[in-house]
Amino acid sequence: MSNFDLRKYLAEGRLTQEVEFKTNERVAYKDKNNPNFLYVDVKYNHGLGGFLKALGSNTLSGGEREQSVNRAKLIAHDTAQELEKNYNIEDIDVQDLENGIVRVFAVSDDFIDIDPKTDEKLQLIVNYFKHTK
């Protein structure tokens, strides 16, 4: 997991509340072949379409996408930390798939017997950062 702390974007005011509400869809699911693999996908907005940069600067779409990506990374990073606190995690990784999803991948034997859709503890962790700044 990256040591880069995205909270600096919050301190600098580079994340807006508008982006917060566009980056709130999260899905937790397990691998079908490996029941101890857990994925948490944090979806983010790609922007309005069109060009992301013009004359070396971000366009409106590019700026919106950058804010949305940074917010999704922050949520994914915090989710990964909470998973580490609450489960016996063997391996964990946060990755931007660059297709509108930041993915948390975690491996733990604790995940074998749980259903990510109905497990209350896991749902609290996955959805905890929905309304935080």
C-alpha atoms as a PDB file:
ATOM      1  CA  MET A   1       0.000   0.000   0.000  1.00  0.00           C
ATOM      2  CA  SER A   2       1.286   3.466  -0.848  1.00  0.00           C
ATOM      3  CA  ASN A   3       2.661   5.657   1.935  1.00  0.00           C
ATOM      4  CA  PHE A   4       1.385   8.743   0.067  1.00  0.00           C
ATOM      5  CA  ASP A   5      -1.133  10.460   2.337  1.00  0.00           C
ATOM      6  CA  LEU A   6      -4.031  11.948   0.380  1.00  0.00           C
ATOM      7  CA  ARG A   7      -5.230  13.984   3.353  1.00  0.00           C
ATOM      8  CA  LYS A   8      -3.081  16.863   2.063  1.00  0.00           C
ATOM      9  CA  TYR A   9      -5.719  17.387  -0.641  1.00  0.00           C
ATOM     10  CA  LEU A  10      -8.306  17.917   2.064  1.00  0.00           C
ATOM     11  CA  ALA A  11      -6.050  20.363   3.935  1.00  0.00           C
ATOM     12  CA  GLU A  12      -5.313  22.314   0.747  1.00  0.00           C
ATOM     13  CA  GLY A  13      -9.003  22.499  -0.121  1.00  0.00           C
ATOM     14  CA  ARG A  14      -8.480  20.580  -3.376  1.00  0.00           C
ATOM     15  CA  LEU A  15     -11.396  18.259  -2.660  1.00  0.00           C
ATOM     16  CA  THR A  16     -14.855  19.737  -2.792  1.00  0.00           C
ATOM     17  CA  GLN A  17     -18.032  18.491  -1.180  1.00  0.00           C
ATOM     18  CA  GLU A  18     -19.531  18.026  -4.648  1.00  0.00           C
ATOM     19  CA  VAL A  19     -16.907  15.368  -5.393  1.00  0.00           C
ATOM     20  CA  GLU A  20     -17.654  13.668  -2.076  1.00  0.00           C
ATOM     21  CA  PHE A  21     -21.190  12.829  -3.168  1.00  0.00           C
ATOM     22  CA  LYS A  22     -20.139  11.606  -6.607  1.00  0.00           C
ATOM     23  CA  THR A  23     -17.628   9.194  -5.051  1.00  0.00           C
ATOM     24  CA  ASN A  24     -19.795   7.222  -2.710  1.00  0.00           C
ATOM     25  CA  GLU A  25     -20.619   3.996  -4.486  1.00  0.00           C
ATOM     26  CA  ARG A  26     -18.739   1.092  -2.920  1.00  0.00           C
ATOM     27  CA  VAL A  27     -19.039  -2.612  -3.504  1.00  0.00           C
ATOM     28  CA  ALA A  28     -17.457  -5.409  -1.441  1.00  0.00           C
ATOM     29  CA  TYR A  29     -17.247  -8.905  -2.899  1.00  0.00           C
ATOM     30  CA  LYS A  30     -15.204 -12.099  -2.663  1.00  0.00           C
ATOM     31  CA  ASP A  31     -13.326 -13.980  -5.347  1.00  0.00           C
ATOM     32  CA  LYS A  32     -15.309 -17.003  -6.582  1.00  0.00           C
ATOM     33  CA  ASN A  33     -12.275 -19.305  -6.697  1.00  0.00           C
ATOM     34  CA  ASN A  34     -10.468 -18.011  -3.595  1.00  0.00           C
ATOM     35  CA  PRO A  35     -12.865 -17.417  -0.681  1.00  0.00           C
ATOM     36  CA  ASN A  36     -10.174 -15.670   1.379  1.00  0.00           C
ATOM     37  CA  PHE A  37      -9.766 -12.874  -1.243  1.00  0.00           C
ATOM     38  CA  LEU A  38     -11.858  -9.747  -0.659  1.00  0.00           C
ATOM     39  CA  TYR A  39     -12.270  -6.855  -3.076  1.00  0.00           C
ATOM     40  CA  VAL A  40     -13.713  -3.445  -2.238  1.00  0.00           C
ATOM     41  CA  ASP A  41     -14.330  -1.240  -5.270  1.00  0.00           C
ATOM     42  CA  VAL A  42     -14.695   2.519  -4.830  1.00  0.00           C
ATOM     43  CA  LYS A  43     -16.164   4.060  -7.958  1.00  0.00           C
ATOM     44  CA  TYR A  44     -15.293   7.594  -9.042  1.00  0.00           C
ATOM     45  CA  ASN A  45     -16.498  10.059 -11.661  1.00  0.00           C
ATOM     46  CA  HIS A  46     -14.589  10.246 -14.962  1.00  0.00           C
ATOM     47  CA  GLY A  47     -15.585  13.848 -15.551  1.00  0.00           C
ATOM     48  CA  LEU A  48     -17.983  15.253 -18.091  1.00  0.00           C
ATOM     49  CA  GLY A  49     -16.113  13.830 -21.063  1.00  0.00           C
ATOM     50  CA  GLY A  50     -13.965  15.529 -23.636  1.00  0.00           C
ATOM     51  CA  PHE A  51     -10.393  16.605 -23.090  1.00  0.00           C
ATOM     52  CA  LEU A  52      -8.829  16.319 -19.637  1.00  0.00           C
ATOM     53  CA  LYS A  53      -5.986  18.771 -20.377  1.00  0.00           C
ATOM     54  CA  ALA A  54      -5.653  21.753 -22.690  1.00  0.00           C
ATOM     55  CA  LEU A  55      -2.520  23.886 -23.115  1.00  0.00           C
ATOM     56  CA  GLY A  56      -0.888  22.086 -20.183  1.00  0.00           C
ATOM     57  CA  SER A  57      -3.681  22.785 -17.707  1.00  0.00           C
ATOM     58  CA  ASN A  58      -6.597  20.734 -16.488  1.00  0.00           C
ATOM     59  CA  THR A  59      -9.917  21.446 -18.142  1.00  0.00           C
ATOM     60  CA  LEU A  60     -13.118  21.422 -16.127  1.00  0.00           C
ATOM     61  CA  SER A  61     -13.488  17.701 -16.849  1.00  0.00           C
ATOM     62  CA  GLY A  62      -9.858  17.029 -15.947  1.00  0.00           C
ATOM     63  CA  GLY A  63     -10.099  18.920 -12.657  1.00  0.00           C
ATOM     64  CA  GLU A  64     -13.304  17.153 -11.699  1.00  0.00           C
ATOM     65  CA  ARG A  65     -11.782  13.776 -12.539  1.00  0.00           C
ATOM     66  CA  GLU A  66      -8.626  14.537 -10.521  1.00  0.00           C
ATOM     67  CA  GLN A  67     -10.668  15.517  -7.470  1.00  0.00           C
ATOM     68  CA  SER A  68     -12.850  12.456  -7.820  1.00  0.00           C
ATOM     69  CA  VAL A  69      -9.826  10.123  -8.142  1.00  0.00           C
ATOM     70  CA  ASN A  70      -8.156  11.671  -5.096  1.00  0.00           C
ATOM     71  CA  ARG A  71     -11.325  11.296  -3.023  1.00  0.00           C
ATOM     72  CA  ALA A  72     -11.720   7.657  -4.090  1.00  0.00           C
ATOM     73  CA  LYS A  73      -8.074   6.945  -3.194  1.00  0.00           C
ATOM     74  CA  LEU A  74      -8.550   8.522   0.233  1.00  0.00           C
ATOM     75  CA  ILE A  75     -11.652   6.422   0.901  1.00  0.00           C
ATOM     76  CA  ALA A  76      -9.924   3.243  -0.328  1.00  0.00           C
ATOM     77  CA  HIS A  77      -6.827   3.913   1.787  1.00  0.00           C
ATOM     78  CA  ASP A  78      -8.922   4.503   4.924  1.00  0.00           C
ATOM     79  CA  THR A  79     -10.990   1.387   4.178  1.00  0.00           C
ATOM     80  CA  ALA A  80      -7.781  -0.659   3.877  1.00  0.00           C
ATOM     81  CA  GLN A  81      -6.573   0.644   7.248  1.00  0.00           C
ATOM     82  CA  GLU A  82      -9.868  -0.278   8.898  1.00  0.00           C
ATOM     83  CA  LEU A  83      -9.723  -3.768   7.389  1.00  0.00           C
ATOM     84  CA  GLU A  84      -6.216  -4.180   8.830  1.00  0.00           C
ATOM     85  CA  LYS A  85      -7.456  -3.111  12.274  1.00  0.00           C
ATOM     86  CA  ASN A  86     -10.455  -5.457  12.296  1.00  0.00           C
ATOM     87  CA  TYR A  87      -9.250  -8.579  10.493  1.00  0.00           C
ATOM     88  CA  ASN A  88      -6.119 -10.704  10.453  1.00  0.00           C
ATOM     89  CA  ILE A  89      -4.919  -9.448   7.055  1.00  0.00           C
ATOM     90  CA  GLU A  90      -2.156 -11.377   5.295  1.00  0.00           C
ATOM     91  CA  ASP A  91      -1.840  -9.032   2.302  1.00  0.00           C
ATOM     92  CA  ILE A  92      -3.553  -5.799   1.261  1.00  0.00           C
ATOM     93  CA  ASP A  93      -3.218  -3.497  -1.730  1.00  0.00           C
ATOM     94  CA  VAL A  94      -4.911  -0.331  -2.996  1.00  0.00           C
ATOM     95  CA  GLN A  95      -4.814   0.267  -6.739  1.00  0.00           C
ATOM     96  CA  ASP A  96      -6.372   2.750  -9.164  1.00  0.00           C
ATOM     97  CA  LEU A  97      -7.583   0.695 -12.115  1.00  0.00           C
ATOM     98  CA  GLU A  98      -7.962   3.945 -14.110  1.00  0.00           C
ATOM     99  CA  ASN A  99     -11.386   2.912 -15.370  1.00  0.00           C
ATOM    100  CA  GLY A 100     -13.454   4.693 -12.741  1.00  0.00           C
ATOM    101  CA  ILE A 101     -12.583   2.269  -9.916  1.00  0.00           C
ATOM    102  CA  VAL A 102     -10.074   2.298  -7.069  1.00  0.00           C
ATOM    103  CA  ARG A 103      -9.803  -1.261  -5.763  1.00  0.00           C
ATOM    104  CA  VAL A 104      -8.824  -2.524  -2.324  1.00  0.00           C
ATOM    105  CA  PHE A 105      -7.604  -6.124  -2.485  1.00  0.00           C
ATOM    106  CA  ALA A 106      -7.221  -7.972   0.820  1.00  0.00           C
ATOM    107  CA  VAL A 107      -6.333 -11.552   1.730  1.00  0.00           C
ATOM    108  CA  SER A 108      -7.358 -13.069   5.047  1.00  0.00           C
ATOM    109  CA  ASP A 109      -8.613 -16.410   6.326  1.00  0.00           C
ATOM    110  CA  ASP A 110     -11.211 -14.384   8.252  1.00  0.00           C
ATOM    111  CA  PHE A 111     -13.044 -13.770   4.954  1.00  0.00           C
ATOM    112  CA  ILE A 112     -13.675 -17.465   4.230  1.00  0.00           C
ATOM    113  CA  ASP A 113     -16.788 -17.740   6.391  1.00  0.00           C
ATOM    114  CA  ILE A 114     -18.355 -14.321   5.786  1.00  0.00           C
ATOM    115  CA  ASP A 115     -20.723 -13.025   3.143  1.00  0.00           C
ATOM    116  CA  PRO A 116     -19.666  -9.456   2.221  1.00  0.00           C
ATOM    117  CA  LYS A 117     -23.245  -8.459   1.410  1.00  0.00           C
ATOM    118  CA  THR A 118     -24.689  -9.466   4.786  1.00  0.00           C
ATOM    119  CA  ASP A 119     -21.796  -9.230   7.246  1.00  0.00           C
ATOM    120  CA  GLU A 120     -22.560  -6.201   9.435  1.00  0.00           C
ATOM    121  CA  LYS A 121     -18.981  -5.556  10.550  1.00  0.00           C
ATOM    122  CA  LEU A 122     -17.667  -5.531   6.984  1.00  0.00           C
ATOM    123  CA  GLN A 123     -20.528  -3.348   5.721  1.00  0.00           C
ATOM    124  CA  LEU A 124     -19.823  -0.819   8.477  1.00  0.00           C
ATOM    125  CA  ILE A 125     -16.174  -0.641   7.399  1.00  0.00           C
ATOM    126  CA  VAL A 126     -16.973  -0.374   3.693  1.00  0.00           C
ATOM    127  CA  ASN A 127     -19.638   2.311   4.160  1.00  0.00           C
ATOM    128  CA  TYR A 128     -18.067   4.179   7.095  1.00  0.00           C
ATOM    129  CA  PHE A 129     -16.317   6.780   4.947  1.00  0.00           C
ATOM    130  CA  LYS A 130     -19.405   7.619   2.900  1.00  0.00           C
ATOM    131  CA  HIS A 131     -20.246  10.752   4.866  1.00  0.00           C
ATOM    132  CA  THR A 132     -16.897  11.735   6.347  1.00  0.00           C
ATOM    133  CA  LYS A 133     -14.725  14.554   5.053  1.00  0.00           C
END
